[in-house]
Amino acid sequence: MAKKRVVIVGGGFGGLFTALELGSDVEVTLVSETDHFLFKPLLYEYLSGEVESWHIAPRYDELVDSHIQIKAGEVAAVDFENREVQLSDGHKLPYDSLVLAVGATTNYAGVPGAAEYALPFRQLEDADRLRDRMTSALDAVAPNLPPQDAREALTFAVVGGGASGVELSTKIADLLNDAFRRRALHGEPRVLVIEMGDRLVPGMGEEIRTYVESALRKSRVEAHTLTKVVEVAANSVTIEHEQARTKIPTAGVVWVGGVQINPLIRQLDLPKVQRGLLNVRPTLQTISRDEVFALGDIAFVPDAAPTLAGTAQLALQEARFVGKNIRAFLNGEKLHTTHFEELGEALSLGTERAAVLAGGKAFGGHLARQARFALYTSRLPTWHHRLRVGASWFFEGNEPRPLLPLGYTR
């Protein structure tokens, strides 16, 4: 008998780990716009040079077995009646079960200039672009420039005060402060994190918040809450606080201020909730199509801890669950339900510190930084990749790479 065919759209945590969960008795096709997986929780460490690209962005063909076919491309449409995924290059992929795991996209919230001038932070290329921007801005500052002018020339703003904003702003600040010392520049850089709400990392408890606030102070990051961005320009950001607007010259604005539904999901004729998320059953099957499963940022899953929304941790748990339910569905067996629990938090807080929350207890500092690396090593996709990366970190270390002048080699 021919093997059952499963098509998975999206190669992030949800898509890849679902593929890995399915056995070789199923024919799996993974559709991705890139040729590599990305372990996004460590993208901040890639920016700082604490990890290398191969650590967090291995090629799919290095991770999967022969029963999983990788198809590079973009999905143009899904024909649910004929059970076919149509790619933009004209190829059609028939399926017996379909998994939608495409993830979300950056939401600039209609702020003028944001899409044109703000830097997103979702891919390796985004981190490369930001690091190049930081280095170029440093190279343009003369050693004898007055402190106030150096500070203005090295001002970076991070929009969004969730976990991503805190992790990114402390990394940027530590890298720039280190570069000021190495280059003997006068004064210090200025790094802002801008949040519309009344507090940073709003979904986290007070124990871990204590470490976050301490790290922001040590990295000298300015926290602006109850503040919204009203315009982004090529060399500035305009913010509004208590109805007063301030235009701040910047060397760069990085946008991690929220996500929106993937355009593919918006066009699909599947039931959605008010926010545009796909409405799924406790089995993670879509409401109208038993053979279609959805997970990650695009699916509304009520039976999950509120702090898990939008996290890689949730997508990872869902992927393993979906893999089991797809096998049950294809075999005509009863599908399972579950509750997705918070497994702990691990935040990078600059190049020397982190904060970890596990078992209801929080701890921070250098020990937490090492614990975070150990935790994420265990969550890399395959045992052989975990072994390679773990050995690299153990024997070669994971210290940050300084922002050296362009063209400078050590």
Protein backbone atom coordinates (compact mmCIF):
# COMPACT_ATOMS: atom_id res chain seq x y z
CA MET A 1 0.00 0.00 0.00
CA ALA A 2 1.14 3.56 -0.73
CA LYS A 3 2.23 5.55 2.26
CA LYS A 4 -0.04 8.26 3.57
CA ARG A 5 1.10 11.75 2.55
CA VAL A 6 1.55 14.57 5.05
CA VAL A 7 2.38 18.08 3.84
CA ILE A 8 3.71 20.52 6.43
CA VAL A 9 3.74 24.22 5.55
CA GLY A 10 6.33 26.11 7.56
CA GLY A 11 9.76 25.02 8.75
CA GLY A 12 9.96 26.66 12.17
CA PHE A 13 9.56 24.93 15.53
CA GLY A 14 6.02 23.78 14.77
CA GLY A 15 6.70 22.48 11.29
CA LEU A 16 10.12 20.88 11.75
CA PHE A 17 9.37 19.17 15.06
CA THR A 18 6.09 17.83 13.70
CA ALA A 19 8.02 16.32 10.77
CA LEU A 20 10.57 14.79 13.13
CA GLU A 21 7.80 13.33 15.28
CA LEU A 22 6.23 11.49 12.34
CA GLY A 23 7.68 8.06 11.61
CA SER A 24 9.07 6.68 8.37
CA ASP A 25 5.77 4.89 7.64
CA VAL A 26 4.44 8.28 6.49
CA GLU A 27 5.58 10.26 3.45
CA VAL A 28 6.31 13.78 4.71
CA THR A 29 6.92 16.92 2.64
CA LEU A 30 8.10 20.00 4.52
CA VAL A 31 7.57 23.28 2.66
CA SER A 32 9.79 26.18 3.71
CA GLU A 33 10.83 29.47 2.14
CA THR A 34 14.40 28.89 3.39
CA ASP A 35 16.79 25.95 3.30
CA HIS A 36 17.46 26.03 7.04
CA PHE A 37 15.77 25.87 10.41
CA LEU A 38 16.22 28.78 12.82
CA PHE A 39 16.34 28.39 16.59
CA LYS A 40 14.97 31.87 17.21
CA PRO A 41 15.42 32.03 21.01
CA LEU A 42 19.18 32.23 20.38
CA LEU A 43 19.02 34.85 17.62
CA TYR A 44 20.07 37.45 20.22
CA GLU A 45 23.23 35.44 20.91
CA TYR A 46 23.90 35.25 17.19
CA LEU A 47 23.76 39.06 17.06
CA SER A 48 26.35 39.28 19.85
CA GLY A 49 28.56 36.57 18.37
CA GLU A 50 28.07 34.22 21.32
CA VAL A 51 26.86 31.55 18.90
CA GLU A 52 27.56 30.88 15.23
CA SER A 53 25.07 30.51 12.42
CA TRP A 54 25.52 26.72 12.17
CA HIS A 55 24.68 26.39 15.86
CA ILE A 56 21.20 27.85 15.49
CA ALA A 57 20.44 27.64 11.75
CA PRO A 58 21.32 24.13 10.53
CA ARG A 59 20.20 23.13 7.04
CA TYR A 60 17.15 20.91 6.94
CA ASP A 61 19.01 18.24 4.98
CA GLU A 62 21.38 17.92 7.97
CA LEU A 63 18.48 17.25 10.33
CA VAL A 64 15.93 15.05 8.58
CA ASP A 65 15.85 11.44 7.37
CA SER A 66 15.09 10.29 3.85
CA HIS A 67 11.35 9.89 4.49
CA ILE A 68 11.08 13.68 4.90
CA GLN A 69 11.30 15.61 1.66
CA ILE A 70 12.22 19.30 1.82
CA LYS A 71 10.50 21.54 -0.71
CA ALA A 72 11.81 25.09 -0.96
CA GLY A 73 9.10 27.46 -2.03
CA GLU A 74 6.18 29.68 -1.12
CA VAL A 75 2.61 28.46 -0.86
CA ALA A 76 0.25 30.32 -3.17
CA ALA A 77 -3.00 28.54 -2.25
CA VAL A 78 -4.54 25.43 -0.73
CA ASP A 79 -7.22 23.45 -2.54
CA PHE A 80 -9.03 21.86 0.38
CA GLU A 81 -11.57 19.99 -1.77
CA ASN A 82 -8.87 18.17 -3.78
CA ARG A 83 -6.40 18.14 -0.89
CA GLU A 84 -3.57 19.88 -2.72
CA VAL A 85 -1.08 22.55 -1.71
CA GLN A 86 -0.26 24.84 -4.63
CA LEU A 87 3.17 26.47 -4.69
CA SER A 88 3.96 29.78 -6.35
CA ASP A 89 6.17 27.98 -8.90
CA GLY A 90 3.21 25.92 -10.09
CA HIS A 91 3.99 22.67 -8.27
CA LYS A 92 1.11 20.87 -6.56
CA LEU A 93 1.58 18.73 -3.47
CA PRO A 94 -1.24 16.27 -2.72
CA TYR A 95 -1.85 15.34 0.91
CA ASP A 96 -3.85 13.06 3.15
CA SER A 97 -3.16 15.35 6.09
CA LEU A 98 -2.02 18.97 6.10
CA VAL A 99 -0.19 20.86 8.85
CA LEU A 100 -0.21 24.66 8.87
CA ALA A 101 2.70 26.07 10.88
CA VAL A 102 3.79 29.17 8.97
CA GLY A 103 4.26 31.50 11.95
CA ALA A 104 3.47 35.18 12.17
CA THR A 105 5.02 38.25 10.54
CA THR A 106 6.18 41.60 11.92
CA ASN A 107 3.36 44.03 12.71
CA TYR A 108 4.31 47.68 12.23
CA ALA A 109 0.82 48.75 13.39
CA GLY A 110 0.49 51.28 10.59
CA VAL A 111 3.10 53.59 12.12
CA PRO A 112 4.35 55.97 9.40
CA GLY A 113 7.84 55.06 8.23
CA ALA A 114 8.11 51.93 10.37
CA ALA A 115 7.95 49.39 7.54
CA GLU A 116 10.41 51.45 5.46
CA TYR A 117 13.01 52.39 8.08
CA ALA A 118 12.71 50.16 11.15
CA LEU A 119 14.74 46.96 11.24
CA PRO A 120 12.82 43.72 11.91
CA PHE A 121 14.45 41.02 14.02
CA ARG A 122 13.20 37.60 12.94
CA GLN A 123 15.88 36.05 10.70
CA LEU A 124 19.66 35.62 10.52
CA GLU A 125 19.75 38.34 7.87
CA ASP A 126 18.02 40.75 10.26
CA ALA A 127 20.67 40.16 12.91
CA ASP A 128 23.45 40.57 10.35
CA ARG A 129 21.93 43.84 9.16
CA LEU A 130 21.62 45.19 12.70
CA ARG A 131 25.18 44.24 13.61
CA ASP A 132 26.46 45.92 10.44
CA ARG A 133 24.42 49.03 11.31
CA MET A 134 25.95 49.15 14.79
CA THR A 135 29.49 48.71 13.45
CA SER A 136 29.03 51.35 10.76
CA ALA A 137 27.67 53.82 13.30
CA LEU A 138 30.66 53.19 15.57
CA ASP A 139 33.11 53.58 12.68
CA ALA A 140 31.64 57.00 11.90
CA VAL A 141 32.39 58.36 15.40
CA ALA A 142 35.76 60.09 15.68
CA PRO A 143 37.75 59.35 18.88
CA ASN A 144 37.76 63.04 19.83
CA LEU A 145 34.02 63.56 19.35
CA PRO A 146 32.43 65.18 22.44
CA PRO A 147 30.46 62.78 24.67
CA GLN A 148 27.09 64.34 23.89
CA ASP A 149 27.68 64.06 20.14
CA ALA A 150 28.94 60.48 20.42
CA ARG A 151 25.83 59.61 22.44
CA GLU A 152 23.53 61.06 19.77
CA ALA A 153 25.42 59.28 16.98
CA LEU A 154 25.14 55.95 18.82
CA THR A 155 21.47 56.03 19.80
CA PHE A 156 19.48 52.88 19.10
CA ALA A 157 15.78 52.42 19.88
CA VAL A 158 14.06 49.07 20.36
CA VAL A 159 10.28 49.20 19.88
CA GLY A 160 8.45 46.66 22.04
CA GLY A 161 9.00 45.95 25.72
CA GLY A 162 8.19 42.26 25.85
CA ALA A 163 10.79 39.55 26.32
CA SER A 164 12.20 40.18 22.82
CA GLY A 165 12.62 43.89 23.46
CA VAL A 166 14.37 43.37 26.77
CA GLU A 167 16.70 40.68 25.41
CA LEU A 168 17.55 42.70 22.32
CA SER A 169 18.06 46.06 24.04
CA THR A 170 20.43 44.63 26.67
CA LYS A 171 22.46 42.84 23.98
CA ILE A 172 22.76 46.03 21.92
CA ALA A 173 23.71 48.09 24.97
CA ASP A 174 26.38 45.66 26.18
CA LEU A 175 27.92 45.39 22.72
CA LEU A 176 28.01 49.18 22.27
CA ASN A 177 29.35 49.87 25.77
CA ASP A 178 32.11 47.35 25.16
CA ALA A 179 32.93 48.98 21.82
CA PHE A 180 33.15 52.42 23.45
CA ARG A 181 35.77 51.08 25.85
CA ARG A 182 37.74 49.25 23.18
CA ARG A 183 37.76 52.25 20.84
CA ALA A 184 38.43 54.79 23.61
CA LEU A 185 35.38 56.86 22.63
CA HIS A 186 34.15 59.62 24.92
CA GLY A 187 30.89 59.17 26.80
CA GLU A 188 28.56 56.24 26.25
CA PRO A 189 25.92 55.04 23.77
CA ARG A 190 22.20 55.47 24.30
CA VAL A 191 19.81 52.53 24.02
CA LEU A 192 16.06 52.88 24.55
CA VAL A 193 13.35 50.26 24.84
CA ILE A 194 9.89 51.70 24.11
CA GLU A 195 6.71 50.03 25.39
CA MET A 196 3.09 51.17 25.07
CA GLY A 197 2.01 49.38 28.23
CA ASP A 198 2.72 50.36 31.81
CA ARG A 199 5.46 47.76 32.36
CA LEU A 200 8.05 45.71 30.53
CA VAL A 201 7.69 41.93 30.08
CA PRO A 202 4.04 42.18 31.18
CA GLY A 203 3.35 38.43 31.10
CA MET A 204 6.12 37.50 33.52
CA GLY A 205 6.04 37.23 37.29
CA GLU A 206 7.64 39.57 39.79
CA GLU A 207 10.51 37.20 40.61
CA ILE A 208 11.96 37.25 37.12
CA ARG A 209 11.04 40.92 36.65
CA THR A 210 13.49 41.80 39.43
CA TYR A 211 16.35 40.36 37.37
CA VAL A 212 15.10 42.08 34.23
CA GLU A 213 15.02 45.51 35.87
CA SER A 214 18.47 44.97 37.40
CA ALA A 215 19.93 43.96 34.03
CA LEU A 216 18.43 47.03 32.32
CA ARG A 217 20.10 49.26 34.90
CA LYS A 218 23.47 47.50 34.60
CA SER A 219 23.36 47.68 30.81
CA ARG A 220 22.22 51.33 31.06
CA VAL A 221 19.12 50.83 28.92
CA GLU A 222 16.45 53.56 29.10
CA ALA A 223 12.98 52.06 29.64
CA HIS A 224 10.11 54.19 28.29
CA THR A 225 6.71 52.78 29.26
CA LEU A 226 3.27 54.22 28.48
CA THR A 227 4.98 55.51 25.37
CA LYS A 228 4.07 54.94 21.76
CA VAL A 229 6.00 55.39 18.54
CA VAL A 230 4.21 57.75 16.17
CA GLU A 231 6.78 57.93 13.35
CA VAL A 232 10.02 56.34 12.22
CA ALA A 233 12.34 58.14 9.81
CA ALA A 234 15.68 57.26 8.27
CA ASN A 235 17.61 58.79 11.17
CA SER A 236 15.08 59.34 13.93
CA VAL A 237 12.12 58.06 15.88
CA THR A 238 9.27 60.19 17.22
CA ILE A 239 7.64 59.03 20.45
CA GLU A 240 4.61 60.25 22.40
CA HIS A 241 4.26 60.16 26.18
CA GLU A 242 1.41 61.85 28.04
CA GLN A 243 0.42 63.64 24.79
CA ALA A 244 3.88 65.19 24.44
CA ARG A 245 5.90 64.24 21.37
CA THR A 246 9.68 63.96 21.21
CA LYS A 247 11.80 63.41 18.10
CA ILE A 248 14.97 61.46 18.89
CA PRO A 249 17.86 61.18 16.41
CA THR A 250 18.84 57.54 15.99
CA ALA A 251 21.42 55.37 14.29
CA GLY A 252 18.85 52.59 14.13
CA VAL A 253 15.36 51.57 15.19
CA VAL A 254 14.62 47.87 15.72
CA TRP A 255 10.99 46.74 15.69
CA VAL A 256 9.87 43.86 17.92
CA GLY A 257 6.61 45.52 18.86
CA GLY A 258 4.22 42.77 17.91
CA VAL A 259 3.23 40.33 15.19
CA GLN A 260 0.37 39.88 12.78
CA ILE A 261 -1.26 36.92 11.07
CA ASN A 262 0.64 35.47 8.16
CA PRO A 263 -0.84 36.60 4.81
CA LEU A 264 -1.34 32.98 3.73
CA ILE A 265 -3.58 32.28 6.71
CA ARG A 266 -5.67 35.39 6.04
CA GLN A 267 -6.57 34.12 2.58
CA LEU A 268 -7.46 30.55 3.54
CA ASP A 269 -11.13 29.64 3.82
CA LEU A 270 -10.93 28.24 7.33
CA PRO A 271 -12.82 29.35 10.47
CA LYS A 272 -11.00 32.00 12.48
CA VAL A 273 -11.47 33.77 15.78
CA GLN A 274 -11.74 37.54 16.11
CA ARG A 275 -7.97 38.16 16.00
CA GLY A 276 -7.62 36.21 12.76
CA LEU A 277 -6.15 33.12 14.39
CA LEU A 278 -7.31 29.76 13.10
CA ASN A 279 -9.99 28.20 15.26
CA VAL A 280 -8.87 24.71 16.23
CA ARG A 281 -10.24 21.88 18.34
CA PRO A 282 -8.44 20.56 21.43
CA THR A 283 -6.89 17.99 19.05
CA LEU A 284 -5.42 20.94 17.05
CA GLN A 285 -7.53 19.99 14.03
CA THR A 286 -9.20 22.94 12.34
CA ILE A 287 -12.90 23.29 13.02
CA SER A 288 -14.04 22.59 9.47
CA ARG A 289 -11.38 20.16 8.22
CA ASP A 290 -10.49 17.01 10.15
CA GLU A 291 -7.40 16.40 8.01
CA VAL A 292 -5.98 19.92 8.54
CA PHE A 293 -4.00 20.67 11.71
CA ALA A 294 -2.72 24.09 12.80
CA LEU A 295 -0.27 25.16 15.49
CA GLY A 296 2.03 27.92 16.64
CA ASP A 297 1.42 31.64 16.16
CA ILE A 298 -1.49 31.11 13.75
CA ALA A 299 -3.72 28.92 15.94
CA PHE A 300 -6.02 29.87 18.82
CA VAL A 301 -5.48 27.26 21.54
CA PRO A 302 -7.52 28.05 24.69
CA ASP A 303 -6.13 25.11 26.68
CA ALA A 304 -2.64 26.57 27.10
CA ALA A 305 -1.04 28.66 29.82
CA PRO A 306 -1.53 32.38 28.93
CA THR A 307 2.22 33.08 29.12
CA LEU A 308 2.88 30.59 26.32
CA ALA A 309 1.19 32.59 23.54
CA GLY A 310 3.55 33.24 20.67
CA THR A 311 6.49 31.33 22.17
CA ALA A 312 8.73 28.70 20.63
CA GLN A 313 8.08 26.64 23.75
CA LEU A 314 4.38 26.32 22.89
CA ALA A 315 5.09 25.47 19.23
CA LEU A 316 7.52 22.77 20.35
CA GLN A 317 4.97 21.17 22.69
CA GLU A 318 2.23 21.41 20.06
CA ALA A 319 4.44 19.84 17.37
CA ARG A 320 5.05 16.68 19.35
CA PHE A 321 1.35 16.50 20.18
CA VAL A 322 0.28 17.06 16.55
CA GLY A 323 2.67 14.39 15.29
CA LYS A 324 1.00 11.81 17.53
CA ASN A 325 -2.50 12.95 16.54
CA ILE A 326 -1.73 12.85 12.81
CA ARG A 327 -0.63 9.23 13.15
CA ALA A 328 -3.85 8.49 15.04
CA PHE A 329 -5.94 10.29 12.40
CA LEU A 330 -4.32 8.45 9.48
CA ASN A 331 -4.76 5.11 11.26
CA GLY A 332 -8.41 5.75 12.08
CA GLU A 333 -7.72 5.86 15.81
CA LYS A 334 -9.01 8.15 18.55
CA LEU A 335 -7.18 11.49 18.78
CA HIS A 336 -5.87 12.89 22.05
CA THR A 337 -6.24 16.21 23.88
CA THR A 338 -3.87 17.86 26.32
CA HIS A 339 -3.13 21.01 28.29
CA PHE A 340 0.03 22.91 27.40
CA GLU A 341 1.91 23.99 30.50
CA GLU A 342 4.55 26.65 31.09
CA LEU A 343 7.90 24.82 31.32
CA GLY A 344 9.88 27.81 32.59
CA GLU A 345 11.40 31.01 31.27
CA ALA A 346 14.95 31.73 30.19
CA LEU A 347 15.84 35.30 29.21
CA SER A 348 19.14 36.55 27.87
CA LEU A 349 19.95 39.86 29.58
CA GLY A 350 23.01 41.23 27.83
CA THR A 351 26.27 39.45 27.08
CA GLU A 352 27.09 38.46 30.67
CA ARG A 353 23.77 37.77 32.37
CA ALA A 354 20.49 35.91 32.01
CA ALA A 355 17.45 35.11 34.10
CA VAL A 356 15.89 31.66 34.42
CA LEU A 357 12.55 30.71 35.98
CA ALA A 358 12.14 27.00 36.63
CA GLY A 359 9.91 25.20 39.08
CA GLY A 360 8.58 28.51 40.34
CA LYS A 361 12.07 29.68 41.36
CA ALA A 362 14.04 32.40 39.58
CA PHE A 363 17.78 32.97 39.51
CA GLY A 364 20.00 35.26 37.48
CA GLY A 365 23.52 36.32 36.63
CA HIS A 366 26.32 34.39 34.95
CA LEU A 367 25.11 31.02 36.26
CA ALA A 368 21.73 31.64 34.67
CA ARG A 369 23.48 32.46 31.39
CA GLN A 370 25.17 29.06 31.39
CA ALA A 371 21.95 27.35 32.43
CA ARG A 372 20.17 28.99 29.51
CA PHE A 373 22.72 27.61 27.07
CA ALA A 374 22.34 24.15 28.61
CA LEU A 375 18.54 24.36 28.44
CA TYR A 376 18.52 25.40 24.80
CA THR A 377 21.07 22.77 23.86
CA SER A 378 18.54 20.20 25.02
CA ARG A 379 15.86 21.73 22.79
CA LEU A 380 17.83 21.73 19.53
CA PRO A 381 16.15 19.61 16.85
CA THR A 382 18.15 16.35 16.79
CA TRP A 383 20.50 14.49 19.10
CA HIS A 384 23.43 14.68 16.68
CA HIS A 385 23.01 18.44 16.28
CA ARG A 386 22.73 18.83 20.06
CA LEU A 387 25.94 16.85 20.45
CA ARG A 388 27.86 18.98 17.93
CA VAL A 389 26.65 22.28 19.35
CA GLY A 390 27.13 21.22 22.98
CA ALA A 391 30.69 20.12 22.22
CA SER A 392 31.41 23.41 20.47
CA TRP A 393 30.17 25.46 23.42
CA PHE A 394 32.00 23.27 25.94
CA PHE A 395 35.39 23.21 24.22
CA GLU A 396 35.38 26.54 22.35
CA GLY A 397 33.26 28.67 24.67
CA ASN A 398 30.46 31.09 23.88
CA GLU A 399 31.93 34.49 24.61
CA PRO A 400 30.62 37.53 22.67
CA ARG A 401 32.39 38.81 19.56
CA PRO A 402 33.31 42.51 19.84
CA LEU A 403 32.09 45.14 17.39
CA LEU A 404 35.44 45.68 15.71
CA PRO A 405 35.97 48.28 12.94
CA LEU A 406 34.87 47.11 9.48
CA GLY A 407 37.73 45.38 7.72
CA TYR A 408 39.61 44.79 10.99
CA THR A 409 40.85 41.24 11.55
CA ARG A 410 42.45 39.85 14.67
